[in-house]
Amino acid sequence: MPTAPQPRRLTARVVLELIGHEAIVQEAYRDSVGVWTWAVGVTNASGHEVHPRYKDKPQTLRKCLEVSIWLMERKYLPDVLAAFAGHTLSEAQLAAALSFHYNTGAIGRAGWVKLFKAGKIAEARVAFMEWRNPPEILPRRAKERDLFFDGRWSQDGKSTVYPVAKPSYAPKWSGAKRVDIWGDVAAILGAAA
């Protein structure tokens, strides 16, 4: 009977890849469908209270990263490891699968995962791109696919940080800043080790 791979911890590179596909908002905002969201896509549904906790209460970038990384480790990483049980993933494959799951919540039912585990790599690569709604997700999905199957990393250790526009509580797109988060992510992961 094969033994299951040991649980993997997140690395800075894995976390930076995922966050690079998202963004950071330091106080609660309403997403495109009106859901109160904070930090790196964190909502009340995650189990961490966002609204009203962070409404009109911006947090430090470090706090946003700490909670988001905690959520990646506690909620999303176990699902990814379970979906690939019996298969060892490279760091790049883990990063791509985690980013996919963080965005879709669907790692357990994604056909590409089943195809990959069955050794049908070419078919899995094509099936990865079936997850393309909304259409603006296509560039992210292509980068995740290329990372999983080709080991091609796309992020540079920086994230886009948006302020919140009021009274709408939507992200203020014109206020975007690119911020280097490598040091904070490495420090958070080092402290958790």
Protein backbone atom coordinates (compact mmCIF):
# COMPACT_ATOMS: atom_id res chain seq x y z
CA MET A 1 0.00 0.00 0.00
CA PRO A 2 1.58 3.35 -1.03
CA THR A 3 2.10 5.89 1.70
CA ALA A 4 0.58 9.32 1.35
CA PRO A 5 3.03 12.16 0.81
CA GLN A 6 3.85 14.17 3.90
CA PRO A 7 1.83 17.38 4.18
CA ARG A 8 3.66 20.26 2.55
CA ARG A 9 4.07 23.66 4.09
CA LEU A 10 3.65 26.75 2.03
CA THR A 11 6.78 28.38 0.65
CA ALA A 12 7.24 32.06 -0.05
CA ARG A 13 7.29 31.34 -3.77
CA VAL A 14 3.96 29.46 -3.60
CA VAL A 15 2.28 32.24 -1.60
CA LEU A 16 3.68 35.01 -3.81
CA GLU A 17 2.43 33.28 -6.95
CA LEU A 18 -1.10 33.05 -5.57
CA ILE A 19 -1.18 36.61 -4.22
CA GLY A 20 0.24 37.89 -7.50
CA HIS A 21 -2.91 36.63 -9.24
CA GLU A 22 -5.12 38.31 -6.65
CA ALA A 23 -4.60 41.70 -5.00
CA ILE A 24 -4.64 43.12 -1.50
CA VAL A 25 -7.22 45.53 -0.09
CA GLN A 26 -6.46 46.59 3.48
CA GLU A 27 -10.01 47.32 4.60
CA ALA A 28 -13.35 45.66 3.86
CA TYR A 29 -14.80 46.32 0.42
CA ARG A 30 -17.69 45.01 -1.66
CA ASP A 31 -16.59 42.72 -4.45
CA SER A 32 -18.18 42.67 -7.91
CA VAL A 33 -21.25 40.82 -6.61
CA GLY A 34 -21.56 42.77 -3.34
CA VAL A 35 -19.82 40.33 -0.98
CA TRP A 36 -17.80 41.99 1.78
CA THR A 37 -14.19 41.03 1.14
CA TRP A 38 -10.82 41.95 2.66
CA ALA A 39 -7.06 41.35 2.26
CA VAL A 40 -6.39 38.65 -0.37
CA GLY A 41 -10.00 37.75 -1.20
CA VAL A 42 -11.01 36.82 2.36
CA THR A 43 -14.78 36.77 3.07
CA ASN A 44 -16.92 35.87 6.08
CA ALA A 45 -17.55 32.50 4.37
CA SER A 46 -13.90 31.63 5.07
CA GLY A 47 -14.60 31.50 8.79
CA HIS A 48 -12.67 34.71 9.44
CA GLU A 49 -15.00 37.64 10.11
CA VAL A 50 -14.48 40.40 7.56
CA HIS A 51 -17.63 42.50 7.92
CA PRO A 52 -18.13 44.47 10.06
CA ARG A 53 -14.65 43.88 11.57
CA TYR A 54 -12.65 45.61 8.80
CA LYS A 55 -15.22 48.09 7.47
CA ASP A 56 -13.62 51.54 7.70
CA LYS A 57 -10.76 49.93 9.66
CA PRO A 58 -7.73 49.51 7.39
CA GLN A 59 -5.21 46.97 8.62
CA THR A 60 -1.49 46.84 8.06
CA LEU A 61 -0.22 45.01 5.02
CA ARG A 62 1.42 42.54 7.40
CA LYS A 63 -1.91 41.74 9.11
CA CYS A 64 -3.60 41.24 5.72
CA LEU A 65 -0.86 38.84 4.68
CA GLU A 66 -0.83 36.95 8.01
CA VAL A 67 -4.56 36.20 7.87
CA SER A 68 -4.53 35.39 4.15
CA ILE A 69 -1.59 32.99 4.53
CA TRP A 70 -3.23 31.39 7.56
CA LEU A 71 -6.34 30.81 5.44
CA MET A 72 -4.30 29.34 2.58
CA GLU A 73 -2.65 26.89 5.00
CA ARG A 74 -5.73 25.92 7.01
CA LYS A 75 -8.52 25.92 4.43
CA TYR A 76 -7.08 25.55 0.93
CA LEU A 77 -3.81 23.61 1.20
CA PRO A 78 -5.42 20.53 2.84
CA ASP A 79 -7.93 20.27 -0.03
CA VAL A 80 -5.14 20.45 -2.61
CA LEU A 81 -3.10 17.80 -0.83
CA ALA A 82 -6.17 15.56 -0.55
CA ALA A 83 -6.99 15.98 -4.25
CA PHE A 84 -3.48 14.81 -5.18
CA ALA A 85 -3.16 12.11 -2.51
CA GLY A 86 -0.67 9.48 -3.61
CA HIS A 87 1.08 11.89 -5.99
CA THR A 88 4.05 14.06 -5.16
CA LEU A 89 3.73 17.61 -6.45
CA SER A 90 6.63 19.89 -7.28
CA GLU A 91 6.66 23.33 -5.71
CA ALA A 92 5.42 24.78 -9.03
CA GLN A 93 2.59 22.25 -9.26
CA LEU A 94 1.56 22.92 -5.68
CA ALA A 95 1.55 26.68 -6.33
CA ALA A 96 -0.56 26.33 -9.47
CA ALA A 97 -3.04 23.94 -7.88
CA LEU A 98 -3.37 26.12 -4.77
CA SER A 99 -3.95 29.25 -6.86
CA PHE A 100 -6.55 27.39 -8.94
CA HIS A 101 -8.35 26.17 -5.82
CA TYR A 102 -8.19 29.54 -4.05
CA ASN A 103 -9.89 31.06 -7.10
CA THR A 104 -12.41 28.31 -7.92
CA GLY A 105 -12.85 26.25 -4.76
CA ALA A 106 -13.07 23.30 -7.14
CA ILE A 107 -9.86 21.28 -6.84
CA GLY A 108 -11.81 18.24 -5.62
CA ARG A 109 -14.06 18.11 -8.67
CA ALA A 110 -11.81 19.46 -11.43
CA GLY A 111 -11.52 17.03 -14.32
CA TRP A 112 -7.96 18.11 -15.06
CA VAL A 113 -6.85 16.78 -11.66
CA LYS A 114 -8.33 13.35 -12.35
CA LEU A 115 -6.73 13.27 -15.81
CA PHE A 116 -3.34 14.27 -14.39
CA LYS A 117 -3.51 11.58 -11.73
CA ALA A 118 -4.39 9.04 -14.44
CA GLY A 119 -1.24 10.02 -16.34
CA LYS A 120 -3.17 11.72 -19.14
CA ILE A 121 -1.02 14.83 -19.10
CA ALA A 122 -1.93 16.27 -22.53
CA GLU A 123 -5.63 15.88 -21.79
CA ALA A 124 -5.20 17.38 -18.31
CA ARG A 125 -3.44 20.39 -19.80
CA VAL A 126 -6.40 21.04 -22.14
CA ALA A 127 -8.98 20.41 -19.40
CA PHE A 128 -7.26 22.93 -17.11
CA MET A 129 -8.43 25.69 -19.46
CA GLU A 130 -12.07 24.59 -19.24
CA TRP A 131 -12.22 26.66 -16.05
CA ARG A 132 -12.52 29.99 -17.85
CA ASN A 133 -15.48 31.86 -16.43
CA PRO A 134 -15.63 34.78 -16.19
CA PRO A 135 -13.67 35.44 -19.41
CA GLU A 136 -11.31 37.88 -17.68
CA ILE A 137 -9.90 34.92 -15.71
CA LEU A 138 -8.26 33.46 -18.84
CA PRO A 139 -4.83 35.11 -18.39
CA ARG A 140 -4.64 33.84 -14.80
CA ARG A 141 -5.76 30.36 -15.78
CA ALA A 142 -3.17 30.19 -18.58
CA LYS A 143 -0.42 31.19 -16.11
CA GLU A 144 -1.58 28.56 -13.62
CA ARG A 145 -1.61 25.93 -16.38
CA ASP A 146 1.86 26.91 -17.56
CA LEU A 147 3.17 26.78 -14.00
CA PHE A 148 1.62 23.38 -13.29
CA PHE A 149 2.68 21.67 -16.51
CA ASP A 150 5.82 23.60 -17.52
CA GLY A 151 7.16 25.01 -14.24
CA ARG A 152 6.92 28.56 -15.63
CA TRP A 153 6.57 31.02 -12.71
CA SER A 154 4.90 34.35 -13.49
CA GLN A 155 5.12 36.49 -10.37
CA ASP A 156 7.83 38.86 -9.17
CA GLY A 157 7.26 39.12 -5.40
CA LYS A 158 5.02 42.15 -5.72
CA SER A 159 1.30 42.57 -5.30
CA THR A 160 -1.17 45.21 -6.33
CA VAL A 161 -2.68 47.01 -3.35
CA TYR A 162 -5.94 48.91 -3.80
CA PRO A 163 -7.57 51.51 -1.54
CA VAL A 164 -11.35 51.54 -1.03
CA ALA A 165 -13.62 54.12 -2.68
CA LYS A 166 -16.37 55.48 -0.48
CA PRO A 167 -19.32 55.52 -0.20
CA SER A 168 -19.49 52.60 -2.70
CA TYR A 169 -16.91 50.49 -0.83
CA ALA A 170 -15.60 49.18 -4.15
CA PRO A 171 -11.87 48.94 -4.78
CA LYS A 172 -10.54 52.26 -6.06
CA TRP A 173 -8.93 50.99 -9.25
CA SER A 174 -7.19 54.28 -9.99
CA GLY A 175 -5.37 54.11 -6.64
CA ALA A 176 -3.52 50.86 -7.40
CA LYS A 177 0.06 50.54 -6.10
CA ARG A 178 2.56 47.75 -6.74
CA VAL A 179 4.15 46.79 -3.44
CA ASP A 180 7.02 44.38 -2.75
CA ILE A 181 5.68 41.80 -0.29
CA TRP A 182 8.50 39.22 -0.52
CA GLY A 183 10.09 40.14 2.82
CA ASP A 184 6.81 40.12 4.74
CA VAL A 185 5.73 36.80 3.25
CA ALA A 186 9.10 35.18 4.01
CA ALA A 187 9.02 36.53 7.58
CA ILE A 188 5.47 35.28 8.19
CA LEU A 189 6.28 31.82 6.86
CA GLY A 190 9.53 31.75 8.84
CA ALA A 191 7.69 32.65 12.03
CA ALA A 192 5.16 29.89 11.39
CA ALA A 193 7.86 27.22 10.95
